[in-house]
C-alpha atoms as a PDB file:
ATOM      1  CA  UNK A   1      -1.498  -0.185  22.967  1.00  0.00           C
ATOM      2  CA  UNK A   2       1.751   0.642  21.202  1.00  0.00           C
ATOM      3  CA  UNK A   3       2.529   3.924  19.432  1.00  0.00           C
ATOM      4  CA  UNK A   4       2.364   2.094  16.076  1.00  0.00           C
ATOM      5  CA  UNK A   5      -1.107   0.838  16.838  1.00  0.00           C
ATOM      6  CA  UNK A   6      -2.152   4.358  17.683  1.00  0.00           C
ATOM      7  CA  UNK A   7      -0.918   5.702  14.376  1.00  0.00           C
ATOM      8  CA  UNK A   8      -3.169   3.357  12.429  1.00  0.00           C
ATOM      9  CA  UNK A   9      -6.261   4.240  14.457  1.00  0.00           C
ATOM     10  CA  UNK A  10      -6.133   7.938  13.830  1.00  0.00           C
ATOM     11  CA  UNK A  11      -4.047  10.313  11.864  1.00  0.00           C
ATOM     12  CA  UNK A  12      -3.784  12.506   8.713  1.00  0.00           C
ATOM     13  CA  UNK A  13      -4.342  11.249   5.179  1.00  0.00           C
ATOM     14  CA  UNK A  14      -2.068   8.400   4.271  1.00  0.00           C
ATOM     15  CA  UNK A  15      -1.590   7.191   7.894  1.00  0.00           C
ATOM     16  CA  UNK A  16      -3.515   3.878   7.522  1.00  0.00           C
ATOM     17  CA  UNK A  17      -1.289   1.746   5.409  1.00  0.00           C
ATOM     18  CA  UNK A  18      -0.982  -0.874   8.337  1.00  0.00           C
ATOM     19  CA  UNK A  19      -4.663  -0.907   9.247  1.00  0.00           C
ATOM     20  CA  UNK A  20      -5.365  -4.361   7.772  1.00  0.00           C
ATOM     21  CA  UNK A  21      -2.277  -5.760   9.568  1.00  0.00           C
ATOM     22  CA  UNK A  22      -3.585  -4.245  12.804  1.00  0.00           C
ATOM     23  CA  UNK A  23      -6.995  -5.767  12.629  1.00  0.00           C
ATOM     24  CA  UNK A  24      -5.557  -9.221  11.583  1.00  0.00           C
ATOM     25  CA  UNK A  25      -4.361  -9.522  15.207  1.00  0.00           C
ATOM     26  CA  UNK A  26      -8.013  -9.994  16.332  1.00  0.00           C
ATOM     27  CA  UNK A  27     -10.297 -12.944  15.758  1.00  0.00           C
ATOM     28  CA  UNK A  28     -13.492 -11.692  14.108  1.00  0.00           C
ATOM     29  CA  UNK A  29     -16.859 -13.390  13.619  1.00  0.00           C
ATOM     30  CA  UNK A  30     -18.154 -13.363  10.070  1.00  0.00           C
ATOM     31  CA  UNK A  31     -21.212 -11.101  10.487  1.00  0.00           C
ATOM     32  CA  UNK A  32     -22.215  -7.759   8.861  1.00  0.00           C
ATOM     33  CA  UNK A  33     -20.721  -6.055  11.863  1.00  0.00           C
ATOM     34  CA  UNK A  34     -17.312  -7.472  11.019  1.00  0.00           C
ATOM     35  CA  UNK A  35     -17.043  -6.380   7.388  1.00  0.00           C
ATOM     36  CA  UNK A  36     -13.611  -4.819   7.416  1.00  0.00           C
ATOM     37  CA  UNK A  37     -12.934  -2.588   4.423  1.00  0.00           C
ATOM     38  CA  UNK A  38     -10.242  -3.412   1.850  1.00  0.00           C
ATOM     39  CA  UNK A  39      -7.504  -0.856   2.060  1.00  0.00           C
ATOM     40  CA  UNK A  40      -7.646   0.192  -1.493  1.00  0.00           C
ATOM     41  CA  UNK A  41     -11.459   1.006  -1.232  1.00  0.00           C
ATOM     42  CA  UNK A  42     -10.981   2.862   2.087  1.00  0.00           C
ATOM     43  CA  UNK A  43      -8.093   5.055   0.550  1.00  0.00           C
ATOM     44  CA  UNK A  44     -10.296   5.886  -2.429  1.00  0.00           C
ATOM     45  CA  UNK A  45     -13.299   6.949  -0.116  1.00  0.00           C
ATOM     46  CA  UNK A  46     -10.869   9.064   1.883  1.00  0.00           C
ATOM     47  CA  UNK A  47      -9.777  10.883  -1.226  1.00  0.00           C
ATOM     48  CA  UNK A  48     -13.411  11.343  -2.317  1.00  0.00           C
ATOM     49  CA  UNK A  49     -14.322  12.833   1.143  1.00  0.00           C
ATOM     50  CA  UNK A  50     -11.406  15.333   1.170  1.00  0.00           C
ATOM     51  CA  UNK A  51     -11.960  16.284  -2.403  1.00  0.00           C
ATOM     52  CA  UNK A  52     -15.776  16.578  -2.373  1.00  0.00           C
ATOM     53  CA  UNK A  53     -16.058  17.801   1.158  1.00  0.00           C
ATOM     54  CA  UNK A  54     -13.400  20.479   0.588  1.00  0.00           C
ATOM     55  CA  UNK A  55     -11.680  19.355   3.839  1.00  0.00           C
ATOM     56  CA  UNK A  56      -8.240  20.897   4.709  1.00  0.00           C
ATOM     57  CA  UNK A  57      -5.361  18.430   3.970  1.00  0.00           C
ATOM     58  CA  UNK A  58      -4.335  18.533   7.650  1.00  0.00           C
ATOM     59  CA  UNK A  59      -7.814  17.412   8.846  1.00  0.00           C
ATOM     60  CA  UNK A  60      -7.318  14.600  11.290  1.00  0.00           C
ATOM     61  CA  UNK A  61      -9.088  11.301  10.440  1.00  0.00           C
ATOM     62  CA  UNK A  62     -10.403   9.225  13.257  1.00  0.00           C
ATOM     63  CA  UNK A  63     -11.256   5.433  12.850  1.00  0.00           C
ATOM     64  CA  UNK A  64     -12.946   4.281  16.038  1.00  0.00           C
ATOM     65  CA  UNK A  65     -14.629   1.204  14.843  1.00  0.00           C
ATOM     66  CA  UNK A  66     -11.727  -1.186  15.388  1.00  0.00           C
ATOM     67  CA  UNK A  67     -11.931  -4.578  17.211  1.00  0.00           C
ATOM     68  CA  UNK A  68     -12.753  -3.980  20.825  1.00  0.00           C
ATOM     69  CA  UNK A  69     -13.049  -0.333  20.291  1.00  0.00           C
ATOM     70  CA  UNK A  70     -15.580   1.986  21.945  1.00  0.00           C
ATOM     71  CA  UNK A  71     -16.649   4.989  19.728  1.00  0.00           C
ATOM     72  CA  UNK A  72     -18.348   6.665  22.690  1.00  0.00           C
ATOM     73  CA  UNK A  73     -15.051   6.952  24.582  1.00  0.00           C
ATOM     74  CA  UNK A  74     -12.928   7.779  21.576  1.00  0.00           C
ATOM     75  CA  UNK A  75     -11.062  11.115  21.566  1.00  0.00           C
ATOM     76  CA  UNK A  76     -12.328  13.397  18.834  1.00  0.00           C
ATOM     77  CA  UNK A  77      -9.947  16.368  18.258  1.00  0.00           C
ATOM     78  CA  UNK A  78     -11.482  19.679  17.231  1.00  0.00           C
ATOM     79  CA  UNK A  79     -12.167  19.737  13.402  1.00  0.00           C
ATOM     80  CA  UNK A  80     -11.543  15.999  12.951  1.00  0.00           C
ATOM     81  CA  UNK A  81     -13.587  13.743  10.656  1.00  0.00           C
ATOM     82  CA  UNK A  82     -14.619  10.162  11.236  1.00  0.00           C
ATOM     83  CA  UNK A  83     -14.235   8.058   8.013  1.00  0.00           C
ATOM     84  CA  UNK A  84     -14.966   4.425   8.925  1.00  0.00           C
ATOM     85  CA  UNK A  85     -16.995   1.342   8.474  1.00  0.00           C
ATOM     86  CA  UNK A  86     -19.188   0.999  11.535  1.00  0.00           C
ATOM     87  CA  UNK A  87     -21.164  -1.977  12.900  1.00  0.00           C
ATOM     88  CA  UNK A  88     -24.447  -1.803  10.736  1.00  0.00           C
ATOM     89  CA  UNK A  89     -26.569  -3.124  13.585  1.00  0.00           C
ATOM     90  CA  UNK A  90     -26.167   0.043  15.678  1.00  0.00           C
ATOM     91  CA  UNK A  91     -25.727   2.564  12.815  1.00  0.00           C
ATOM     92  CA  UNK A  92     -28.618   4.707  13.822  1.00  0.00           C
ATOM     93  CA  UNK A  93     -27.309   5.056  17.258  1.00  0.00           C
ATOM     94  CA  UNK A  94     -23.827   5.934  15.952  1.00  0.00           C
ATOM     95  CA  UNK A  95     -25.224   8.644  13.636  1.00  0.00           C
ATOM     96  CA  UNK A  96     -27.229  10.201  16.460  1.00  0.00           C
ATOM     97  CA  UNK A  97     -24.107  10.273  18.649  1.00  0.00           C
ATOM     98  CA  UNK A  98     -22.104  12.186  16.092  1.00  0.00           C
ATOM     99  CA  UNK A  99     -24.923  14.500  15.063  1.00  0.00           C
ATOM    100  CA  UNK A 100     -25.582  15.450  18.676  1.00  0.00           C
ATOM    101  CA  UNK A 101     -21.864  16.356  19.233  1.00  0.00           C
ATOM    102  CA  UNK A 102     -21.275  18.108  16.038  1.00  0.00           C
ATOM    103  CA  UNK A 103     -18.469  15.631  14.956  1.00  0.00           C
ATOM    104  CA  UNK A 104     -18.048  15.357  11.132  1.00  0.00           C
ATOM    105  CA  UNK A 105     -18.428  11.791   9.783  1.00  0.00           C
ATOM    106  CA  UNK A 106     -18.553   9.859   6.604  1.00  0.00           C
ATOM    107  CA  UNK A 107     -19.684   6.296   7.334  1.00  0.00           C
ATOM    108  CA  UNK A 108     -20.233   3.137   5.217  1.00  0.00           C
ATOM    109  CA  UNK A 109     -23.794   1.919   5.443  1.00  0.00           C
ATOM    110  CA  UNK A 110     -25.961  -0.749   4.004  1.00  0.00           C
ATOM    111  CA  UNK A 111     -27.562   0.260   0.705  1.00  0.00           C
ATOM    112  CA  UNK A 112     -31.026  -1.085   0.943  1.00  0.00           C
ATOM    113  CA  UNK A 113     -31.712   0.034   4.513  1.00  0.00           C
ATOM    114  CA  UNK A 114     -29.859   3.334   4.091  1.00  0.00           C
ATOM    115  CA  UNK A 115     -32.849   5.484   4.827  1.00  0.00           C
ATOM    116  CA  UNK A 116     -33.987   3.637   7.941  1.00  0.00           C
ATOM    117  CA  UNK A 117     -30.393   3.717   9.350  1.00  0.00           C
ATOM    118  CA  UNK A 118     -29.969   7.422   9.007  1.00  0.00           C
ATOM    119  CA  UNK A 119     -31.080  10.737  10.549  1.00  0.00           C
ATOM    120  CA  UNK A 120     -32.771  13.741   9.140  1.00  0.00           C
ATOM    121  CA  UNK A 121     -29.676  15.626  10.100  1.00  0.00           C
ATOM    122  CA  UNK A 122     -27.307  13.868   7.720  1.00  0.00           C
ATOM    123  CA  UNK A 123     -26.920  13.381   3.999  1.00  0.00           C
ATOM    124  CA  UNK A 124     -27.534   9.943   2.361  1.00  0.00           C
ATOM    125  CA  UNK A 125     -24.944   9.270  -0.290  1.00  0.00           C
ATOM    126  CA  UNK A 126     -26.622   6.586  -2.541  1.00  0.00           C
ATOM    127  CA  UNK A 127     -24.287   4.289  -4.506  1.00  0.00           C
ATOM    128  CA  UNK A 128     -25.667   0.798  -4.090  1.00  0.00           C
ATOM    129  CA  UNK A 129     -22.196  -0.533  -5.061  1.00  0.00           C
ATOM    130  CA  UNK A 130     -21.380  -4.013  -4.078  1.00  0.00           C
ATOM    131  CA  UNK A 131     -18.301  -4.150  -1.830  1.00  0.00           C
ATOM    132  CA  UNK A 132     -16.491  -7.455  -1.106  1.00  0.00           C
ATOM    133  CA  UNK A 133     -15.230  -6.987   2.446  1.00  0.00           C
ATOM    134  CA  UNK A 134     -12.320  -8.720   4.177  1.00  0.00           C
ATOM    135  CA  UNK A 135     -14.554 -11.559   5.494  1.00  0.00           C
ATOM    136  CA  UNK A 136     -15.665 -12.147   1.855  1.00  0.00           C
ATOM    137  CA  UNK A 137     -19.158 -10.860   2.413  1.00  0.00           C
ATOM    138  CA  UNK A 138     -20.617  -9.074  -0.388  1.00  0.00           C
ATOM    139  CA  UNK A 139     -22.695  -6.107   0.694  1.00  0.00           C
ATOM    140  CA  UNK A 140     -24.568  -3.381  -1.220  1.00  0.00           C
ATOM    141  CA  UNK A 141     -22.980  -0.265   0.207  1.00  0.00           C
ATOM    142  CA  UNK A 142     -23.848   3.450   0.372  1.00  0.00           C
ATOM    143  CA  UNK A 143     -22.814   6.134   2.806  1.00  0.00           C
ATOM    144  CA  UNK A 144     -23.971   8.614   5.463  1.00  0.00           C
ATOM    145  CA  UNK A 145     -22.371  11.934   6.154  1.00  0.00           C
ATOM    146  CA  UNK A 146     -22.853  15.417   7.678  1.00  0.00           C
ATOM    147  CA  UNK A 147     -20.387  17.305   5.695  1.00  0.00           C
ATOM    148  CA  UNK A 148     -22.375  18.032   2.515  1.00  0.00           C
ATOM    149  CA  UNK A 149     -24.601  20.840   3.857  1.00  0.00           C
ATOM    150  CA  UNK A 150     -28.399  20.754   3.481  1.00  0.00           C
ATOM    151  CA  UNK A 151     -28.627  18.095   0.806  1.00  0.00           C
ATOM    152  CA  UNK A 152     -30.763  15.185   2.079  1.00  0.00           C
ATOM    153  CA  UNK A 153     -29.791  12.688  -0.662  1.00  0.00           C
ATOM    154  CA  UNK A 154     -27.101  12.443  -3.302  1.00  0.00           C
ATOM    155  CA  UNK A 155     -27.048   9.833  -5.907  1.00  0.00           C
ATOM    156  CA  UNK A 156     -23.341   9.667  -6.709  1.00  0.00           C
ATOM    157  CA  UNK A 157     -22.323   7.945  -9.876  1.00  0.00           C
ATOM    158  CA  UNK A 158     -18.795   8.988  -9.498  1.00  0.00           C
ATOM    159  CA  UNK A 159     -18.304   7.252  -6.144  1.00  0.00           C
ATOM    160  CA  UNK A 160     -20.122   4.218  -7.449  1.00  0.00           C
ATOM    161  CA  UNK A 161     -17.750   3.929 -10.339  1.00  0.00           C
ATOM    162  CA  UNK A 162     -14.654   4.502  -8.329  1.00  0.00           C
ATOM    163  CA  UNK A 163     -15.579   1.734  -5.799  1.00  0.00           C
ATOM    164  CA  UNK A 164     -16.939  -0.692  -8.303  1.00  0.00           C
ATOM    165  CA  UNK A 165     -13.784  -0.504 -10.387  1.00  0.00           C
ATOM    166  CA  UNK A 166     -11.554  -1.260  -7.367  1.00  0.00           C
ATOM    167  CA  UNK A 167     -13.867  -4.061  -6.053  1.00  0.00           C
ATOM    168  CA  UNK A 168     -13.908  -5.670  -9.556  1.00  0.00           C
ATOM    169  CA  UNK A 169     -10.096  -5.507  -9.701  1.00  0.00           C
ATOM    170  CA  UNK A 170      -9.742  -6.951  -6.227  1.00  0.00           C
ATOM    171  CA  UNK A 171     -12.160  -9.865  -6.783  1.00  0.00           C
ATOM    172  CA  UNK A 172     -11.438 -10.513 -10.379  1.00  0.00           C
ATOM    173  CA  UNK A 173     -15.005 -10.430 -11.377  1.00  0.00           C
ATOM    174  CA  UNK A 174     -17.706  -7.902 -12.598  1.00  0.00           C
ATOM    175  CA  UNK A 175     -20.759  -7.858 -10.355  1.00  0.00           C
ATOM    176  CA  UNK A 176     -24.158  -8.025 -12.094  1.00  0.00           C
ATOM    177  CA  UNK A 177     -26.574  -5.162 -11.635  1.00  0.00           C
ATOM    178  CA  UNK A 178     -29.876  -6.256 -10.078  1.00  0.00           C
ATOM    179  CA  UNK A 179     -33.259  -5.310 -11.549  1.00  0.00           C
ATOM    180  CA  UNK A 180     -35.174  -2.719  -9.510  1.00  0.00           C
ATOM    181  CA  UNK A 181     -38.807  -1.981  -8.805  1.00  0.00           C
ATOM    182  CA  UNK A 182     -40.441   1.118 -10.426  1.00  0.00           C
ATOM    183  CA  UNK A 183     -42.244   3.468  -7.967  1.00  0.00           C
ATOM    184  CA  UNK A 184     -44.597   6.470  -8.596  1.00  0.00           C
ATOM    185  CA  UNK A 185     -42.619   9.712  -9.238  1.00  0.00           C
ATOM    186  CA  UNK A 186     -43.491  11.109  -5.800  1.00  0.00           C
ATOM    187  CA  UNK A 187     -41.949   8.067  -4.020  1.00  0.00           C
ATOM    188  CA  UNK A 188     -38.263   7.179  -3.691  1.00  0.00           C
ATOM    189  CA  UNK A 189     -36.511   4.246  -1.947  1.00  0.00           C
ATOM    190  CA  UNK A 190     -32.821   3.607  -1.494  1.00  0.00           C
ATOM    191  CA  UNK A 191     -33.050   0.750  -3.909  1.00  0.00           C
ATOM    192  CA  UNK A 192     -34.575   3.031  -6.636  1.00  0.00           C
ATOM    193  CA  UNK A 193     -31.953   5.732  -6.115  1.00  0.00           C
ATOM    194  CA  UNK A 194     -29.214   3.090  -6.288  1.00  0.00           C
ATOM    195  CA  UNK A 195     -30.263   2.488  -9.862  1.00  0.00           C
ATOM    196  CA  UNK A 196     -30.000   6.157 -10.682  1.00  0.00           C
ATOM    197  CA  UNK A 197     -26.629   6.420  -8.987  1.00  0.00           C
ATOM    198  CA  UNK A 198     -25.224   3.869 -11.227  1.00  0.00           C
ATOM    199  CA  UNK A 199     -25.626   6.238 -14.151  1.00  0.00           C
ATOM    200  CA  UNK A 200     -25.842   9.872 -13.080  1.00  0.00           C
ATOM    201  CA  UNK A 201     -25.438  12.245 -10.122  1.00  0.00           C
ATOM    202  CA  UNK A 202     -28.658  13.605  -8.598  1.00  0.00           C
ATOM    203  CA  UNK A 203     -29.460  15.595  -5.424  1.00  0.00           C
ATOM    204  CA  UNK A 204     -32.779  16.031  -3.414  1.00  0.00           C
ATOM    205  CA  UNK A 205     -32.972  19.042  -1.115  1.00  0.00           C
ATOM    206  CA  UNK A 206     -34.233  18.242   2.422  1.00  0.00           C
ATOM    207  CA  UNK A 207     -37.104  20.706   2.088  1.00  0.00           C
ATOM    208  CA  UNK A 208     -38.624  18.541  -0.655  1.00  0.00           C
ATOM    209  CA  UNK A 209     -38.974  15.271   1.185  1.00  0.00           C
ATOM    210  CA  UNK A 210     -40.725  13.661   4.046  1.00  0.00           C
ATOM    211  CA  UNK A 211     -40.037  10.090   5.292  1.00  0.00           C
ATOM    212  CA  UNK A 212     -42.530   7.228   4.791  1.00  0.00           C
ATOM    213  CA  UNK A 213     -42.555   3.548   5.481  1.00  0.00           C
ATOM    214  CA  UNK A 214     -45.051   2.490   2.840  1.00  0.00           C
ATOM    215  CA  UNK A 215     -46.575   3.691  -0.388  1.00  0.00           C
ATOM    216  CA  UNK A 216     -50.060   2.817  -1.659  1.00  0.00           C
ATOM    217  CA  UNK A 217     -50.480   0.345   1.321  1.00  0.00           C
ATOM    218  CA  UNK A 218     -47.259  -1.452   0.322  1.00  0.00           C
ATOM    219  CA  UNK A 219     -44.361  -1.477   2.691  1.00  0.00           C
ATOM    220  CA  UNK A 220     -41.120  -0.138   1.347  1.00  0.00           C
ATOM    221  CA  UNK A 221     -38.282  -2.285   2.474  1.00  0.00           C
ATOM    222  CA  UNK A 222     -35.779  -0.039   4.426  1.00  0.00           C
ATOM    223  CA  UNK A 223     -38.192   2.942   4.308  1.00  0.00           C
ATOM    224  CA  UNK A 224     -38.534   5.757   1.707  1.00  0.00           C
ATOM    225  CA  UNK A 225     -39.395   9.303   1.113  1.00  0.00           C
ATOM    226  CA  UNK A 226     -42.471  11.163  -0.295  1.00  0.00           C
ATOM    227  CA  UNK A 227     -41.358  13.957  -2.712  1.00  0.00           C
ATOM    228  CA  UNK A 228     -42.858  17.357  -3.462  1.00  0.00           C
ATOM    229  CA  UNK A 229     -44.301  17.727  -7.014  1.00  0.00           C
ATOM    230  CA  UNK A 230     -41.149  19.657  -7.988  1.00  0.00           C
ATOM    231  CA  UNK A 231     -38.786  17.008  -6.671  1.00  0.00           C
ATOM    232  CA  UNK A 232     -40.859  14.257  -8.212  1.00  0.00           C
ATOM    233  CA  UNK A 233     -40.563  15.956 -11.701  1.00  0.00           C
ATOM    234  CA  UNK A 234     -36.779  16.228 -11.146  1.00  0.00           C
ATOM    235  CA  UNK A 235     -36.701  12.502 -10.075  1.00  0.00           C
ATOM    236  CA  UNK A 236     -38.543  11.468 -13.170  1.00  0.00           C
ATOM    237  CA  UNK A 237     -36.146  13.398 -15.358  1.00  0.00           C
ATOM    238  CA  UNK A 238     -33.165  11.795 -13.526  1.00  0.00           C
ATOM    239  CA  UNK A 239     -34.648   8.357 -14.034  1.00  0.00           C
ATOM    240  CA  UNK A 240     -35.106   9.176 -17.706  1.00  0.00           C
ATOM    241  CA  UNK A 241     -31.521  10.406 -18.116  1.00  0.00           C
ATOM    242  CA  UNK A 242     -30.257   7.344 -16.274  1.00  0.00           C
ATOM    243  CA  UNK A 243     -32.256   5.045 -18.699  1.00  0.00           C
ATOM    244  CA  UNK A 244     -31.079   6.805 -21.756  1.00  0.00           C
ATOM    245  CA  UNK A 245     -27.441   6.698 -20.572  1.00  0.00           C
ATOM    246  CA  UNK A 246     -27.785   2.876 -19.914  1.00  0.00           C
ATOM    247  CA  UNK A 247     -29.408   2.356 -23.375  1.00  0.00           C
ATOM    248  CA  UNK A 248     -26.554   4.358 -24.967  1.00  0.00           C
ATOM    249  CA  UNK A 249     -23.931   2.101 -23.489  1.00  0.00           C
ATOM    250  CA  UNK A 250     -22.935  -0.274 -26.324  1.00  0.00           C
ATOM    251  CA  UNK A 251     -19.955  -2.361 -27.012  1.00  0.00           C
ATOM    252  CA  UNK A 252     -17.444  -0.515 -29.109  1.00  0.00           C
ATOM    253  CA  UNK A 253     -16.155  -2.622 -32.002  1.00  0.00           C
ATOM    254  CA  UNK A 254     -12.429  -2.752 -32.722  1.00  0.00           C
ATOM    255  CA  UNK A 255     -10.862  -1.446 -35.934  1.00  0.00           C
ATOM    256  CA  UNK A 256     -10.382  -5.006 -36.995  1.00  0.00           C
ATOM    257  CA  UNK A 257     -14.037  -5.890 -36.468  1.00  0.00           C
ATOM    258  CA  UNK A 258     -15.198  -2.745 -38.320  1.00  0.00           C
ATOM    259  CA  UNK A 259     -13.048  -3.785 -41.315  1.00  0.00           C
ATOM    260  CA  UNK A 260     -14.620  -7.182 -41.161  1.00  0.00           C
ATOM    261  CA  UNK A 261     -18.058  -5.656 -41.479  1.00  0.00           C
ATOM    262  CA  UNK A 262     -16.870  -3.597 -44.470  1.00  0.00           C
ATOM    263  CA  UNK A 263     -15.640  -6.788 -46.053  1.00  0.00           C
ATOM    264  CA  UNK A 264     -18.965  -8.414 -45.458  1.00  0.00           C
ATOM    265  CA  UNK A 265     -20.666  -5.417 -46.990  1.00  0.00           C
ATOM    266  CA  UNK A 266     -18.405  -5.565 -50.060  1.00  0.00           C
ATOM    267  CA  UNK A 267     -17.192  -1.941 -49.588  1.00  0.00           C
ATOM    268  CA  UNK A 268     -13.502  -3.058 -49.496  1.00  0.00           C
ATOM    269  CA  UNK A 269     -11.645  -6.008 -50.733  1.00  0.00           C
ATOM    270  CA  UNK A 270     -10.936  -8.901 -48.268  1.00  0.00           C
ATOM    271  CA  UNK A 271      -7.646  -8.772 -46.411  1.00  0.00           C
ATOM    272  CA  UNK A 272      -6.732 -12.115 -48.106  1.00  0.00           C
ATOM    273  CA  UNK A 273      -7.697 -13.600 -51.457  1.00  0.00           C
ATOM    274  CA  UNK A 274     -10.301 -16.318 -50.782  1.00  0.00           C
ATOM    275  CA  UNK A 275      -9.637 -17.824 -54.294  1.00  0.00           C
ATOM    276  CA  UNK A 276      -6.355 -19.113 -52.896  1.00  0.00           C
ATOM    277  CA  UNK A 277      -8.068 -21.488 -50.444  1.00  0.00           C
END
């Protein structure tokens, strides 16, 4: 491996400008394990992690999930942070590896199976944002991390909006938001929290949840959590706030369109004299 290749695998912020060029040298199968991240989205995530996680600017970033890489034999310097998009098929194993060794991480994860892919010792960052990866696969994406303290779940509207704006720009389209299923207030699933994260930021403490695989005899895809009465009330309030914000989002008319309405109402004279036509 050359020195230049080494620079794009690990380094400080801003040292990954040639990562896409690096991975292009490898032939990759088009599976969910080969969803390489667009550089613009990766850089935005790195900025978010350093800003929200209060990481020192000189914190070393490690990206072990490169073609033919082996994260178990990677060198992890003291105080480093792993910010990367790992193979989703072994995500639970990867999380356990980092948690057991006290290595800081912020990992891309599939949105709908976020809870079943994670550990009780890490924070689930729910976004549910569609990311168009380098192999053109469109995957609902959230994140797993151990740098946000005791918070078990964070619905992050800010990160959702940041990534969606970039993905829309890169793909030239605006993804549609899918309808979600309603659950009792004492039950949450990743799919439900994705809906909240698209509108507001909402946090659930680890002491207020317990994992479940089904609710009312109905299996929850990707698993879920049972909430305490206090957390359930807060979740209900968060859902209401998210719904109110969604309902409040209306198209804003231009000054010209507002003038046209005034003309129709007869409150101002038309811009032109219709008698001339």
